[in-house]
Amino acid sequence: MTKVHLNQSISKNLQILEIKFAQQIKIFVNQQCSKQQHHINYYQFQHAYQLTYPLTQYQQFMY
């Protein structure tokens, strides 16, 4: 496996992971909103975003 193939494979897997994370965050946000019946707490959203942040940083590093 060449370095190019490896990089393509890794970034493809990262994209899949990011999509899964994004879906989880969407579910989490929807649950919070329906529980509270008002705007989501900014801190909670920030926390959820930080879970995916290292992934996006890593993906930028790959290119």
PDB file of N, CA and C in Angstrom:
ATOM      1  N   MET A   1       0.844  -1.198   0.000  1.00  0.00           N
ATOM      2  CA  MET A   1       0.000   0.000   0.000  1.00  0.00           C
ATOM      3  C   MET A   1       0.881   1.249   0.000  1.00  0.00           C
ATOM      4  N   THR A   2       0.695   2.093  -0.982  1.00  0.00           N
ATOM      5  CA  THR A   2       1.519   3.299  -1.046  1.00  0.00           C
ATOM      6  C   THR A   2       1.013   4.331  -0.052  1.00  0.00           C
ATOM      7  N   LYS A   3       1.843   5.331   0.175  1.00  0.00           N
ATOM      8  CA  LYS A   3       1.477   6.403   1.113  1.00  0.00           C
ATOM      9  C   LYS A   3       0.202   7.119   0.648  1.00  0.00           C
ATOM     10  N   VAL A   4       0.082   7.327  -0.659  1.00  0.00           N
ATOM     11  CA  VAL A   4      -1.104   7.995  -1.223  1.00  0.00           C
ATOM     12  C   VAL A   4      -2.365   7.173  -0.931  1.00  0.00           C
ATOM     13  N   HIS A   5      -2.284   5.870  -1.183  1.00  0.00           N
ATOM     14  CA  HIS A   5      -3.425   4.989  -0.915  1.00  0.00           C
ATOM     15  C   HIS A   5      -3.786   5.005   0.560  1.00  0.00           C
ATOM     16  N   LEU A   6      -2.770   4.967   1.387  1.00  0.00           N
ATOM     17  CA  LEU A   6      -2.988   4.974   2.837  1.00  0.00           C
ATOM     18  C   LEU A   6      -3.684   6.263   3.262  1.00  0.00           C
ATOM     19  N   ASN A   7      -3.194   7.392   2.767  1.00  0.00           N
ATOM     20  CA  ASN A   7      -3.802   8.686   3.087  1.00  0.00           C
ATOM     21  C   ASN A   7      -5.249   8.757   2.628  1.00  0.00           C
ATOM     22  N   GLN A   8      -5.516   8.247   1.424  1.00  0.00           N
ATOM     23  CA  GLN A   8      -6.891   8.242   0.894  1.00  0.00           C
ATOM     24  C   GLN A   8      -7.788   7.387   1.774  1.00  0.00           C
ATOM     25  N   SER A   9      -7.281   6.244   2.165  1.00  0.00           N
ATOM     26  CA  SER A   9      -8.035   5.317   3.006  1.00  0.00           C
ATOM     27  C   SER A   9      -8.333   5.949   4.366  1.00  0.00           C
ATOM     28  N   ILE A  10      -7.315   6.574   4.955  1.00  0.00           N
ATOM     29  CA  ILE A  10      -7.487   7.214   6.269  1.00  0.00           C
ATOM     30  C   ILE A  10      -8.489   8.354   6.181  1.00  0.00           C
ATOM     31  N   SER A  11      -8.352   9.214   5.173  1.00  0.00           N
ATOM     32  CA  SER A  11      -9.269  10.355   5.095  1.00  0.00           C
ATOM     33  C   SER A  11     -10.697   9.901   4.796  1.00  0.00           C
ATOM     34  N   LYS A  12     -10.841   8.814   4.055  1.00  0.00           N
ATOM     35  CA  LYS A  12     -12.178   8.259   3.783  1.00  0.00           C
ATOM     36  C   LYS A  12     -12.802   7.771   5.090  1.00  0.00           C
ATOM     37  N   ASN A  13     -12.007   7.038   5.880  1.00  0.00           N
ATOM     38  CA  ASN A  13     -12.489   6.549   7.174  1.00  0.00           C
ATOM     39  C   ASN A  13     -12.821   7.697   8.111  1.00  0.00           C
ATOM     40  N   LEU A  14     -12.013   8.742   8.084  1.00  0.00           N
ATOM     41  CA  LEU A  14     -12.278   9.916   8.921  1.00  0.00           C
ATOM     42  C   LEU A  14     -13.594  10.580   8.536  1.00  0.00           C
ATOM     43  N   GLN A  15     -13.853  10.676   7.234  1.00  0.00           N
ATOM     44  CA  GLN A  15     -15.112  11.269   6.766  1.00  0.00           C
ATOM     45  C   GLN A  15     -16.297  10.477   7.282  1.00  0.00           C
ATOM     46  N   ILE A  16     -16.195   9.152   7.237  1.00  0.00           N
ATOM     47  CA  ILE A  16     -17.268   8.290   7.743  1.00  0.00           C
ATOM     48  C   ILE A  16     -17.461   8.536   9.236  1.00  0.00           C
ATOM     49  N   LEU A  17     -16.354   8.595   9.965  1.00  0.00           N
ATOM     50  CA  LEU A  17     -16.417   8.857  11.409  1.00  0.00           C
ATOM     51  C   LEU A  17     -17.062  10.207  11.691  1.00  0.00           C
ATOM     52  N   GLU A  18     -16.665  11.217  10.933  1.00  0.00           N
ATOM     53  CA  GLU A  18     -17.206  12.560  11.145  1.00  0.00           C
ATOM     54  C   GLU A  18     -18.709  12.591  10.898  1.00  0.00           C
ATOM     55  N   ILE A  19     -19.158  11.877   9.877  1.00  0.00           N
ATOM     56  CA  ILE A  19     -20.593  11.812   9.572  1.00  0.00           C
ATOM     57  C   ILE A  19     -21.319  11.160  10.747  1.00  0.00           C
ATOM     58  N   LYS A  20     -20.752  10.074  11.273  1.00  0.00           N
ATOM     59  CA  LYS A  20     -21.373   9.380  12.412  1.00  0.00           C
ATOM     60  C   LYS A  20     -21.428  10.301  13.629  1.00  0.00           C
ATOM     61  N   PHE A  21     -20.334  11.015  13.894  1.00  0.00           N
ATOM     62  CA  PHE A  21     -20.294  11.964  15.011  1.00  0.00           C
ATOM     63  C   PHE A  21     -21.348  13.048  14.832  1.00  0.00           C
ATOM     64  N   ALA A  22     -21.427  13.575  13.623  1.00  0.00           N
ATOM     65  CA  ALA A  22     -22.390  14.639  13.329  1.00  0.00           C
ATOM     66  C   ALA A  22     -23.812  14.152  13.576  1.00  0.00           C
ATOM     67  N   GLN A  23     -24.096  12.914  13.171  1.00  0.00           N
ATOM     68  CA  GLN A  23     -25.425  12.339  13.395  1.00  0.00           C
ATOM     69  C   GLN A  23     -25.712  12.204  14.884  1.00  0.00           C
ATOM     70  N   GLN A  24     -24.704  11.755  15.639  1.00  0.00           N
ATOM     71  CA  GLN A  24     -24.863  11.611  17.091  1.00  0.00           C
ATOM     72  C   GLN A  24     -25.141  12.963  17.744  1.00  0.00           C
ATOM     73  N   ILE A  25     -24.405  13.991  17.301  1.00  0.00           N
ATOM     74  CA  ILE A  25     -24.591  15.333  17.846  1.00  0.00           C
ATOM     75  C   ILE A  25     -25.995  15.832  17.541  1.00  0.00           C
ATOM     76  N   LYS A  26     -26.453  15.590  16.318  1.00  0.00           N
ATOM     77  CA  LYS A  26     -27.790  16.018  15.911  1.00  0.00           C
ATOM     78  C   LYS A  26     -28.845  15.365  16.811  1.00  0.00           C
ATOM     79  N   ILE A  27     -28.697  14.068  17.053  1.00  0.00           N
ATOM     80  CA  ILE A  27     -29.623  13.334  17.926  1.00  0.00           C
ATOM     81  C   ILE A  27     -29.570  13.928  19.336  1.00  0.00           C
ATOM     82  N   PHE A  28     -28.339  14.142  19.822  1.00  0.00           N
ATOM     83  CA  PHE A  28     -28.135  14.697  21.165  1.00  0.00           C
ATOM     84  C   PHE A  28     -28.797  16.069  21.306  1.00  0.00           C
ATOM     85  N   VAL A  29     -28.581  16.925  20.328  1.00  0.00           N
ATOM     86  CA  VAL A  29     -29.153  18.272  20.342  1.00  0.00           C
ATOM     87  C   VAL A  29     -30.679  18.199  20.326  1.00  0.00           C
ATOM     88  N   ASN A  30     -31.222  17.349  19.464  1.00  0.00           N
ATOM     89  CA  ASN A  30     -32.681  17.194  19.389  1.00  0.00           C
ATOM     90  C   ASN A  30     -33.265  16.704  20.705  1.00  0.00           C
ATOM     91  N   GLN A  31     -32.592  15.730  21.335  1.00  0.00           N
ATOM     92  CA  GLN A  31     -33.061  15.205  22.626  1.00  0.00           C
ATOM     93  C   GLN A  31     -33.058  16.302  23.681  1.00  0.00           C
ATOM     94  N   GLN A  32     -31.960  17.067  23.730  1.00  0.00           N
ATOM     95  CA  GLN A  32     -31.847  18.144  24.721  1.00  0.00           C
ATOM     96  C   GLN A  32     -32.946  19.176  24.515  1.00  0.00           C
ATOM     97  N   CYS A  33     -33.173  19.543  23.255  1.00  0.00           N
ATOM     98  CA  CYS A  33     -34.174  20.566  22.944  1.00  0.00           C
ATOM     99  C   CYS A  33     -35.574  20.093  23.319  1.00  0.00           C
ATOM    100  N   SER A  34     -35.876  18.834  23.028  1.00  0.00           N
ATOM    101  CA  SER A  34     -37.224  18.352  23.331  1.00  0.00           C
ATOM    102  C   SER A  34     -37.413  18.181  24.842  1.00  0.00           C
ATOM    103  N   LYS A  35     -36.337  17.841  25.553  1.00  0.00           N
ATOM    104  CA  LYS A  35     -36.415  17.720  27.019  1.00  0.00           C
ATOM    105  C   LYS A  35     -36.690  19.079  27.638  1.00  0.00           C
ATOM    106  N   GLN A  36     -35.930  20.062  27.197  1.00  0.00           N
ATOM    107  CA  GLN A  36     -35.967  21.374  27.848  1.00  0.00           C
ATOM    108  C   GLN A  36     -37.040  22.290  27.278  1.00  0.00           C
ATOM    109  N   GLN A  37     -37.512  21.978  26.080  1.00  0.00           N
ATOM    110  CA  GLN A  37     -38.520  22.804  25.401  1.00  0.00           C
ATOM    111  C   GLN A  37     -38.069  24.266  25.232  1.00  0.00           C
ATOM    112  N   HIS A  38     -36.795  24.479  25.163  1.00  0.00           N
ATOM    113  CA  HIS A  38     -36.273  25.817  24.855  1.00  0.00           C
ATOM    114  C   HIS A  38     -34.882  25.687  24.252  1.00  0.00           C
ATOM    115  N   HIS A  39     -34.226  26.793  23.986  1.00  0.00           N
ATOM    116  CA  HIS A  39     -32.918  26.743  23.323  1.00  0.00           C
ATOM    117  C   HIS A  39     -31.926  25.896  24.097  1.00  0.00           C
ATOM    118  N   ILE A  40     -31.131  25.162  23.346  1.00  0.00           N
ATOM    119  CA  ILE A  40     -30.133  24.291  23.972  1.00  0.00           C
ATOM    120  C   ILE A  40     -29.067  25.133  24.680  1.00  0.00           C
ATOM    121  N   ASN A  41     -28.639  24.582  25.783  1.00  0.00           N
ATOM    122  CA  ASN A  41     -27.566  25.194  26.560  1.00  0.00           C
ATOM    123  C   ASN A  41     -26.303  25.260  25.679  1.00  0.00           C
ATOM    124  N   TYR A  42     -25.742  26.441  25.548  1.00  0.00           N
ATOM    125  CA  TYR A  42     -24.567  26.635  24.683  1.00  0.00           C
ATOM    126  C   TYR A  42     -23.407  25.741  25.123  1.00  0.00           C
ATOM    127  N   TYR A  43     -23.243  25.595  26.425  1.00  0.00           N
ATOM    128  CA  TYR A  43     -22.142  24.777  26.942  1.00  0.00           C
ATOM    129  C   TYR A  43     -22.254  23.331  26.464  1.00  0.00           C
ATOM    130  N   GLN A  44     -23.472  22.792  26.483  1.00  0.00           N
ATOM    131  CA  GLN A  44     -23.671  21.409  26.050  1.00  0.00           C
ATOM    132  C   GLN A  44     -23.323  21.241  24.576  1.00  0.00           C
ATOM    133  N   PHE A  45     -23.738  22.203  23.773  1.00  0.00           N
ATOM    134  CA  PHE A  45     -23.438  22.122  22.349  1.00  0.00           C
ATOM    135  C   PHE A  45     -21.930  22.220  22.122  1.00  0.00           C
ATOM    136  N   GLN A  46     -21.294  23.131  22.854  1.00  0.00           N
ATOM    137  CA  GLN A  46     -19.851  23.327  22.771  1.00  0.00           C
ATOM    138  C   GLN A  46     -19.129  22.020  23.117  1.00  0.00           C
ATOM    139  N   HIS A  47     -19.615  21.358  24.158  1.00  0.00           N
ATOM    140  CA  HIS A  47     -19.011  20.090  24.589  1.00  0.00           C
ATOM    141  C   HIS A  47     -19.139  19.034  23.486  1.00  0.00           C
ATOM    142  N   ALA A  48     -20.317  18.951  22.886  1.00  0.00           N
ATOM    143  CA  ALA A  48     -20.543  17.980  21.809  1.00  0.00           C
ATOM    144  C   ALA A  48     -19.640  18.286  20.623  1.00  0.00           C
ATOM    145  N   TYR A  49     -19.473  19.568  20.309  1.00  0.00           N
ATOM    146  CA  TYR A  49     -18.613  19.966  19.184  1.00  0.00           C
ATOM    147  C   TYR A  49     -17.158  19.580  19.456  1.00  0.00           C
ATOM    148  N   GLN A  50     -16.727  19.762  20.710  1.00  0.00           N
ATOM    149  CA  GLN A  50     -15.332  19.473  21.059  1.00  0.00           C
ATOM    150  C   GLN A  50     -14.997  17.999  20.869  1.00  0.00           C
ATOM    151  N   LEU A  51     -16.006  17.134  20.960  1.00  0.00           N
ATOM    152  CA  LEU A  51     -15.772  15.707  20.738  1.00  0.00           C
ATOM    153  C   LEU A  51     -15.325  15.447  19.307  1.00  0.00           C
ATOM    154  N   THR A  52     -15.847  16.229  18.368  1.00  0.00           N
ATOM    155  CA  THR A  52     -15.488  16.001  16.963  1.00  0.00           C
ATOM    156  C   THR A  52     -14.317  16.879  16.527  1.00  0.00           C
ATOM    157  N   TYR A  53     -13.993  17.882  17.318  1.00  0.00           N
ATOM    158  CA  TYR A  53     -12.964  18.845  16.913  1.00  0.00           C
ATOM    159  C   TYR A  53     -11.613  18.189  16.597  1.00  0.00           C
ATOM    160  N   PRO A  54     -11.125  17.274  17.455  1.00  0.00           N
ATOM    161  CA  PRO A  54      -9.828  16.646  17.143  1.00  0.00           C
ATOM    162  C   PRO A  54      -9.843  15.945  15.777  1.00  0.00           C
ATOM    163  N   LEU A  55     -10.977  15.378  15.417  1.00  0.00           N
ATOM    164  CA  LEU A  55     -11.082  14.717  14.110  1.00  0.00           C
ATOM    165  C   LEU A  55     -10.903  15.705  12.970  1.00  0.00           C
ATOM    166  N   THR A  56     -11.564  16.847  13.069  1.00  0.00           N
ATOM    167  CA  THR A  56     -11.460  17.839  11.989  1.00  0.00           C
ATOM    168  C   THR A  56     -10.034  18.377  11.923  1.00  0.00           C
ATOM    169  N   GLN A  57      -9.426  18.580  13.084  1.00  0.00           N
ATOM    170  CA  GLN A  57      -8.037  19.045  13.114  1.00  0.00           C
ATOM    171  C   GLN A  57      -7.131  18.033  12.414  1.00  0.00           C
ATOM    172  N   TYR A  58      -7.355  16.753  12.715  1.00  0.00           N
ATOM    173  CA  TYR A  58      -6.525  15.697  12.148  1.00  0.00           C
ATOM    174  C   TYR A  58      -6.703  15.632  10.635  1.00  0.00           C
ATOM    175  N   GLN A  59      -7.934  15.815  10.188  1.00  0.00           N
ATOM    176  CA  GLN A  59      -8.202  15.744   8.758  1.00  0.00           C
ATOM    177  C   GLN A  59      -7.520  16.900   8.021  1.00  0.00           C
ATOM    178  N   GLN A  60      -7.524  18.080   8.616  1.00  0.00           N
ATOM    179  CA  GLN A  60      -6.834  19.223   7.999  1.00  0.00           C
ATOM    180  C   GLN A  60      -5.343  18.924   7.900  1.00  0.00           C
ATOM    181  N   PHE A  61      -4.824  18.258   8.919  1.00  0.00           N
ATOM    182  CA  PHE A  61      -3.407  17.916   8.958  1.00  0.00           C
ATOM    183  C   PHE A  61      -3.048  16.941   7.833  1.00  0.00           C
ATOM    184  N   MET A  62      -4.007  16.084   7.465  1.00  0.00           N
ATOM    185  CA  MET A  62      -3.752  15.058   6.453  1.00  0.00           C
ATOM    186  C   MET A  62      -3.497  15.642   5.068  1.00  0.00           C
ATOM    187  N   TYR A  63      -4.133  16.771   4.764  1.00  0.00           N
ATOM    188  CA  TYR A  63      -4.043  17.287   3.392  1.00  0.00           C
ATOM    189  C   TYR A  63      -2.817  18.140   3.148  1.00  0.00           C
TER     190      TYR A  63
END
